[in-house]
Amino acid sequence: MKTKKLITQILLTFAITLVTAGIVTLLWNLVIDKAGIVIDWKTSFVLAIIIGIVIPLSRTKDK
């Protein structure tokens, strides 16, 4: 049961981080770099994978 909850938390955190990082890179390229409407998917996925694993595991370890 704990494993199922942990996997759900990892996937939810991954999805939220991926969307947030995508929006941030889109706005960065649009406003700061003037590169147009471009999302840096590589950076977004790497960040989402790292944060998606680390945050739920650290929350589990605290409990």
PDB file of N, CA and C in Angstrom:
ATOM      1  N   MET A   1       0.818  -1.192   0.000  1.00  0.00           N
ATOM      2  CA  MET A   1       0.000   0.000   0.000  1.00  0.00           C
ATOM      3  C   MET A   1       0.866   1.262   0.000  1.00  0.00           C
ATOM      4  N   LYS A   2       1.959   1.252   0.755  1.00  0.00           N
ATOM      5  CA  LYS A   2       2.842   2.410   0.785  1.00  0.00           C
ATOM      6  C   LYS A   2       3.497   2.647  -0.567  1.00  0.00           C
ATOM      7  N   THR A   3       3.807   1.571  -1.264  1.00  0.00           N
ATOM      8  CA  THR A   3       4.456   1.685  -2.562  1.00  0.00           C
ATOM      9  C   THR A   3       3.523   2.347  -3.571  1.00  0.00           C
ATOM     10  N   LYS A   4       2.268   1.961  -3.556  1.00  0.00           N
ATOM     11  CA  LYS A   4       1.292   2.538  -4.483  1.00  0.00           C
ATOM     12  C   LYS A   4       1.128   4.041  -4.215  1.00  0.00           C
ATOM     13  N   LYS A   5       1.086   4.435  -2.959  1.00  0.00           N
ATOM     14  CA  LYS A   5       0.958   5.843  -2.597  1.00  0.00           C
ATOM     15  C   LYS A   5       2.210   6.617  -3.013  1.00  0.00           C
ATOM     16  N   LEU A   6       3.386   6.024  -2.813  1.00  0.00           N
ATOM     17  CA  LEU A   6       4.636   6.673  -3.192  1.00  0.00           C
ATOM     18  C   LEU A   6       4.710   6.877  -4.701  1.00  0.00           C
ATOM     19  N   ILE A   7       4.337   5.882  -5.475  1.00  0.00           N
ATOM     20  CA  ILE A   7       4.363   5.994  -6.932  1.00  0.00           C
ATOM     21  C   ILE A   7       3.382   7.058  -7.405  1.00  0.00           C
ATOM     22  N   THR A   8       2.221   7.121  -6.772  1.00  0.00           N
ATOM     23  CA  THR A   8       1.236   8.147  -7.115  1.00  0.00           C
ATOM     24  C   THR A   8       1.789   9.539  -6.822  1.00  0.00           C
ATOM     25  N   GLN A   9       2.449   9.696  -5.682  1.00  0.00           N
ATOM     26  CA  GLN A   9       3.042  10.991  -5.341  1.00  0.00           C
ATOM     27  C   GLN A   9       4.155  11.363  -6.310  1.00  0.00           C
ATOM     28  N   ILE A  10       4.968  10.388  -6.714  1.00  0.00           N
ATOM     29  CA  ILE A  10       6.047  10.651  -7.673  1.00  0.00           C
ATOM     30  C   ILE A  10       5.475  11.102  -9.008  1.00  0.00           C
ATOM     31  N   LEU A  11       4.446  10.415  -9.504  1.00  0.00           N
ATOM     32  CA  LEU A  11       3.858  10.781 -10.791  1.00  0.00           C
ATOM     33  C   LEU A  11       3.177  12.143 -10.745  1.00  0.00           C
ATOM     34  N   LEU A  12       2.506  12.437  -9.644  1.00  0.00           N
ATOM     35  CA  LEU A  12       1.846  13.725  -9.508  1.00  0.00           C
ATOM     36  C   LEU A  12       2.869  14.863  -9.437  1.00  0.00           C
ATOM     37  N   THR A  13       3.917  14.669  -8.664  1.00  0.00           N
ATOM     38  CA  THR A  13       4.968  15.680  -8.569  1.00  0.00           C
ATOM     39  C   THR A  13       5.674  15.856  -9.906  1.00  0.00           C
ATOM     40  N   PHE A  14       5.910  14.764 -10.618  1.00  0.00           N
ATOM     41  CA  PHE A  14       6.526  14.817 -11.947  1.00  0.00           C
ATOM     42  C   PHE A  14       5.676  15.649 -12.898  1.00  0.00           C
ATOM     43  N   ALA A  15       4.376  15.389 -12.923  1.00  0.00           N
ATOM     44  CA  ALA A  15       3.483  16.100 -13.840  1.00  0.00           C
ATOM     45  C   ALA A  15       3.426  17.592 -13.534  1.00  0.00           C
ATOM     46  N   ILE A  16       3.296  17.922 -12.261  1.00  0.00           N
ATOM     47  CA  ILE A  16       3.235  19.341 -11.871  1.00  0.00           C
ATOM     48  C   ILE A  16       4.537  20.051 -12.219  1.00  0.00           C
ATOM     49  N   THR A  17       5.658  19.404 -11.944  1.00  0.00           N
ATOM     50  CA  THR A  17       6.956  20.012 -12.236  1.00  0.00           C
ATOM     51  C   THR A  17       7.172  20.160 -13.735  1.00  0.00           C
ATOM     52  N   LEU A  18       6.754  19.177 -14.519  1.00  0.00           N
ATOM     53  CA  LEU A  18       6.917  19.241 -15.966  1.00  0.00           C
ATOM     54  C   LEU A  18       6.123  20.406 -16.551  1.00  0.00           C
ATOM     55  N   VAL A  19       4.895  20.560 -16.125  1.00  0.00           N
ATOM     56  CA  VAL A  19       4.068  21.661 -16.626  1.00  0.00           C
ATOM     57  C   VAL A  19       4.656  23.010 -16.207  1.00  0.00           C
ATOM     58  N   THR A  20       5.048  23.112 -14.939  1.00  0.00           N
ATOM     59  CA  THR A  20       5.606  24.371 -14.438  1.00  0.00           C
ATOM     60  C   THR A  20       6.909  24.724 -15.158  1.00  0.00           C
ATOM     61  N   ALA A  21       7.798  23.764 -15.311  1.00  0.00           N
ATOM     62  CA  ALA A  21       9.066  24.030 -15.993  1.00  0.00           C
ATOM     63  C   ALA A  21       8.835  24.375 -17.462  1.00  0.00           C
ATOM     64  N   GLY A  22       7.871  23.730 -18.071  1.00  0.00           N
ATOM     65  CA  GLY A  22       7.541  24.059 -19.460  1.00  0.00           C
ATOM     66  C   GLY A  22       7.056  25.488 -19.614  1.00  0.00           C
ATOM     67  N   ILE A  23       6.184  25.914 -18.712  1.00  0.00           N
ATOM     68  CA  ILE A  23       5.677  27.285 -18.757  1.00  0.00           C
ATOM     69  C   ILE A  23       6.796  28.293 -18.494  1.00  0.00           C
ATOM     70  N   VAL A  24       7.656  27.983 -17.526  1.00  0.00           N
ATOM     71  CA  VAL A  24       8.759  28.903 -17.206  1.00  0.00           C
ATOM     72  C   VAL A  24       9.724  29.030 -18.378  1.00  0.00           C
ATOM     73  N   THR A  25      10.099  27.918 -19.003  1.00  0.00           N
ATOM     74  CA  THR A  25      11.019  28.005 -20.140  1.00  0.00           C
ATOM     75  C   THR A  25      10.357  28.690 -21.332  1.00  0.00           C
ATOM     76  N   LEU A  26       9.063  28.488 -21.503  1.00  0.00           N
ATOM     77  CA  LEU A  26       8.338  29.178 -22.571  1.00  0.00           C
ATOM     78  C   LEU A  26       8.371  30.686 -22.358  1.00  0.00           C
ATOM     79  N   LEU A  27       8.049  31.118 -21.134  1.00  0.00           N
ATOM     80  CA  LEU A  27       8.061  32.549 -20.836  1.00  0.00           C
ATOM     81  C   LEU A  27       9.473  33.131 -20.920  1.00  0.00           C
ATOM     82  N   TRP A  28      10.449  32.360 -20.476  1.00  0.00           N
ATOM     83  CA  TRP A  28      11.845  32.827 -20.553  1.00  0.00           C
ATOM     84  C   TRP A  28      12.248  33.065 -22.005  1.00  0.00           C
ATOM     85  N   ASN A  29      11.948  32.102 -22.878  1.00  0.00           N
ATOM     86  CA  ASN A  29      12.316  32.247 -24.283  1.00  0.00           C
ATOM     87  C   ASN A  29      11.506  33.340 -24.967  1.00  0.00           C
ATOM     88  N   LEU A  30      10.290  33.541 -24.540  1.00  0.00           N
ATOM     89  CA  LEU A  30       9.439  34.548 -25.163  1.00  0.00           C
ATOM     90  C   LEU A  30       9.814  35.954 -24.719  1.00  0.00           C
ATOM     91  N   VAL A  31      10.064  36.155 -23.432  1.00  0.00           N
ATOM     92  CA  VAL A  31      10.285  37.497 -22.900  1.00  0.00           C
ATOM     93  C   VAL A  31      11.768  37.874 -22.861  1.00  0.00           C
ATOM     94  N   ILE A  32      12.604  37.008 -22.321  1.00  0.00           N
ATOM     95  CA  ILE A  32      14.008  37.355 -22.096  1.00  0.00           C
ATOM     96  C   ILE A  32      14.870  37.119 -23.334  1.00  0.00           C
ATOM     97  N   ASP A  33      14.820  35.914 -23.890  1.00  0.00           N
ATOM     98  CA  ASP A  33      15.690  35.580 -25.033  1.00  0.00           C
ATOM     99  C   ASP A  33      15.152  36.065 -26.368  1.00  0.00           C
ATOM    100  N   LYS A  34      13.890  36.415 -26.429  1.00  0.00           N
ATOM    101  CA  LYS A  34      13.229  36.845 -27.674  1.00  0.00           C
ATOM    102  C   LYS A  34      13.381  35.773 -28.760  1.00  0.00           C
ATOM    103  N   ALA A  35      13.343  34.490 -28.336  1.00  0.00           N
ATOM    104  CA  ALA A  35      13.504  33.381 -29.270  1.00  0.00           C
ATOM    105  C   ALA A  35      12.176  32.916 -29.851  1.00  0.00           C
ATOM    106  N   GLY A  36      11.096  33.506 -29.406  1.00  0.00           N
ATOM    107  CA  GLY A  36       9.788  33.095 -29.888  1.00  0.00           C
ATOM    108  C   GLY A  36       9.172  32.076 -28.950  1.00  0.00           C
ATOM    109  N   ILE A  37       8.149  31.403 -29.449  1.00  0.00           N
ATOM    110  CA  ILE A  37       7.432  30.434 -28.631  1.00  0.00           C
ATOM    111  C   ILE A  37       8.164  29.090 -28.706  1.00  0.00           C
ATOM    112  N   VAL A  38       9.084  28.884 -27.766  1.00  0.00           N
ATOM    113  CA  VAL A  38       9.901  27.671 -27.721  1.00  0.00           C
ATOM    114  C   VAL A  38       9.929  27.163 -26.283  1.00  0.00           C
ATOM    115  N   ILE A  39       9.650  25.869 -26.113  1.00  0.00           N
ATOM    116  CA  ILE A  39       9.741  25.234 -24.793  1.00  0.00           C
ATOM    117  C   ILE A  39      10.972  24.339 -24.791  1.00  0.00           C
ATOM    118  N   ASP A  40      11.808  24.468 -23.799  1.00  0.00           N
ATOM    119  CA  ASP A  40      13.003  23.641 -23.669  1.00  0.00           C
ATOM    120  C   ASP A  40      12.601  22.334 -22.970  1.00  0.00           C
ATOM    121  N   TRP A  41      12.237  21.332 -23.779  1.00  0.00           N
ATOM    122  CA  TRP A  41      11.722  20.079 -23.232  1.00  0.00           C
ATOM    123  C   TRP A  41      12.792  19.290 -22.497  1.00  0.00           C
ATOM    124  N   LYS A  42      14.030  19.364 -22.965  1.00  0.00           N
ATOM    125  CA  LYS A  42      15.109  18.611 -22.315  1.00  0.00           C
ATOM    126  C   LYS A  42      15.278  19.055 -20.868  1.00  0.00           C
ATOM    127  N   THR A  43      15.373  20.346 -20.659  1.00  0.00           N
ATOM    128  CA  THR A  43      15.522  20.887 -19.307  1.00  0.00           C
ATOM    129  C   THR A  43      14.291  20.576 -18.464  1.00  0.00           C
ATOM    130  N   SER A  44      13.110  20.700 -19.058  1.00  0.00           N
ATOM    131  CA  SER A  44      11.865  20.452 -18.321  1.00  0.00           C
ATOM    132  C   SER A  44      11.772  19.006 -17.856  1.00  0.00           C
ATOM    133  N   PHE A  45      12.105  18.044 -18.725  1.00  0.00           N
ATOM    134  CA  PHE A  45      12.034  16.633 -18.344  1.00  0.00           C
ATOM    135  C   PHE A  45      13.069  16.270 -17.287  1.00  0.00           C
ATOM    136  N   VAL A  46      14.282  16.765 -17.446  1.00  0.00           N
ATOM    137  CA  VAL A  46      15.333  16.461 -16.465  1.00  0.00           C
ATOM    138  C   VAL A  46      14.948  17.002 -15.095  1.00  0.00           C
ATOM    139  N   LEU A  47      14.495  18.235 -15.056  1.00  0.00           N
ATOM    140  CA  LEU A  47      14.070  18.845 -13.800  1.00  0.00           C
ATOM    141  C   LEU A  47      12.884  18.093 -13.195  1.00  0.00           C
ATOM    142  N   ALA A  48      11.917  17.714 -14.023  1.00  0.00           N
ATOM    143  CA  ALA A  48      10.740  16.996 -13.533  1.00  0.00           C
ATOM    144  C   ALA A  48      11.099  15.614 -12.994  1.00  0.00           C
ATOM    145  N   ILE A  49      12.024  14.935 -13.628  1.00  0.00           N
ATOM    146  CA  ILE A  49      12.437  13.614 -13.152  1.00  0.00           C
ATOM    147  C   ILE A  49      13.141  13.733 -11.802  1.00  0.00           C
ATOM    148  N   ILE A  50      14.053  14.672 -11.690  1.00  0.00           N
ATOM    149  CA  ILE A  50      14.804  14.826 -10.438  1.00  0.00           C
ATOM    150  C   ILE A  50      13.885  15.236  -9.300  1.00  0.00           C
ATOM    151  N   ILE A  51      13.115  16.290  -9.512  1.00  0.00           N
ATOM    152  CA  ILE A  51      12.233  16.776  -8.450  1.00  0.00           C
ATOM    153  C   ILE A  51      11.116  15.774  -8.170  1.00  0.00           C
ATOM    154  N   GLY A  52      10.634  15.105  -9.215  1.00  0.00           N
ATOM    155  CA  GLY A  52       9.566  14.117  -9.041  1.00  0.00           C
ATOM    156  C   GLY A  52       9.970  12.937  -8.181  1.00  0.00           C
ATOM    157  N   ILE A  53      11.237  12.620  -8.134  1.00  0.00           N
ATOM    158  CA  ILE A  53      11.711  11.516  -7.301  1.00  0.00           C
ATOM    159  C   ILE A  53      12.149  11.998  -5.923  1.00  0.00           C
ATOM    160  N   VAL A  54      12.865  13.112  -5.875  1.00  0.00           N
ATOM    161  CA  VAL A  54      13.472  13.565  -4.618  1.00  0.00           C
ATOM    162  C   VAL A  54      12.431  14.033  -3.596  1.00  0.00           C
ATOM    163  N   ILE A  55      11.483  14.848  -4.011  1.00  0.00           N
ATOM    164  CA  ILE A  55      10.533  15.419  -3.038  1.00  0.00           C
ATOM    165  C   ILE A  55       9.662  14.343  -2.384  1.00  0.00           C
ATOM    166  N   PRO A  56       9.029  13.430  -3.131  1.00  0.00           N
ATOM    167  CA  PRO A  56       8.237  12.403  -2.433  1.00  0.00           C
ATOM    168  C   PRO A  56       9.081  11.493  -1.530  1.00  0.00           C
ATOM    169  N   LEU A  57      10.301  11.179  -1.952  1.00  0.00           N
ATOM    170  CA  LEU A  57      11.145  10.335  -1.098  1.00  0.00           C
ATOM    171  C   LEU A  57      11.544  11.065   0.169  1.00  0.00           C
ATOM    172  N   SER A  58      11.840  12.350   0.080  1.00  0.00           N
ATOM    173  CA  SER A  58      12.201  13.095   1.280  1.00  0.00           C
ATOM    174  C   SER A  58      11.012  13.254   2.208  1.00  0.00           C
ATOM    175  N   ARG A  59       9.816  13.399   1.670  1.00  0.00           N
ATOM    176  CA  ARG A  59       8.619  13.464   2.512  1.00  0.00           C
ATOM    177  C   ARG A  59       8.361  12.135   3.200  1.00  0.00           C
ATOM    178  N   THR A  60       8.603  11.048   2.517  1.00  0.00           N
ATOM    179  CA  THR A  60       8.409   9.720   3.107  1.00  0.00           C
ATOM    180  C   THR A  60       9.427   9.470   4.210  1.00  0.00           C
ATOM    181  N   LYS A  61      10.659   9.916   3.996  1.00  0.00           N
ATOM    182  CA  LYS A  61      11.715   9.712   4.970  1.00  0.00           C
ATOM    183  C   LYS A  61      11.455  10.508   6.246  1.00  0.00           C
ATOM    184  N   ASP A  62      10.827  11.683   6.140  1.00  0.00           N
ATOM    185  CA  ASP A  62      10.524  12.507   7.306  1.00  0.00           C
ATOM    186  C   ASP A  62       9.473  11.867   8.212  1.00  0.00           C
ATOM    187  N   LYS A  63       8.559  11.121   7.632  1.00  0.00           N
ATOM    188  CA  LYS A  63       7.470  10.533   8.426  1.00  0.00           C
ATOM    189  C   LYS A  63       7.899   9.347   9.166  1.00  0.00           C
TER     190      LYS A  63
END
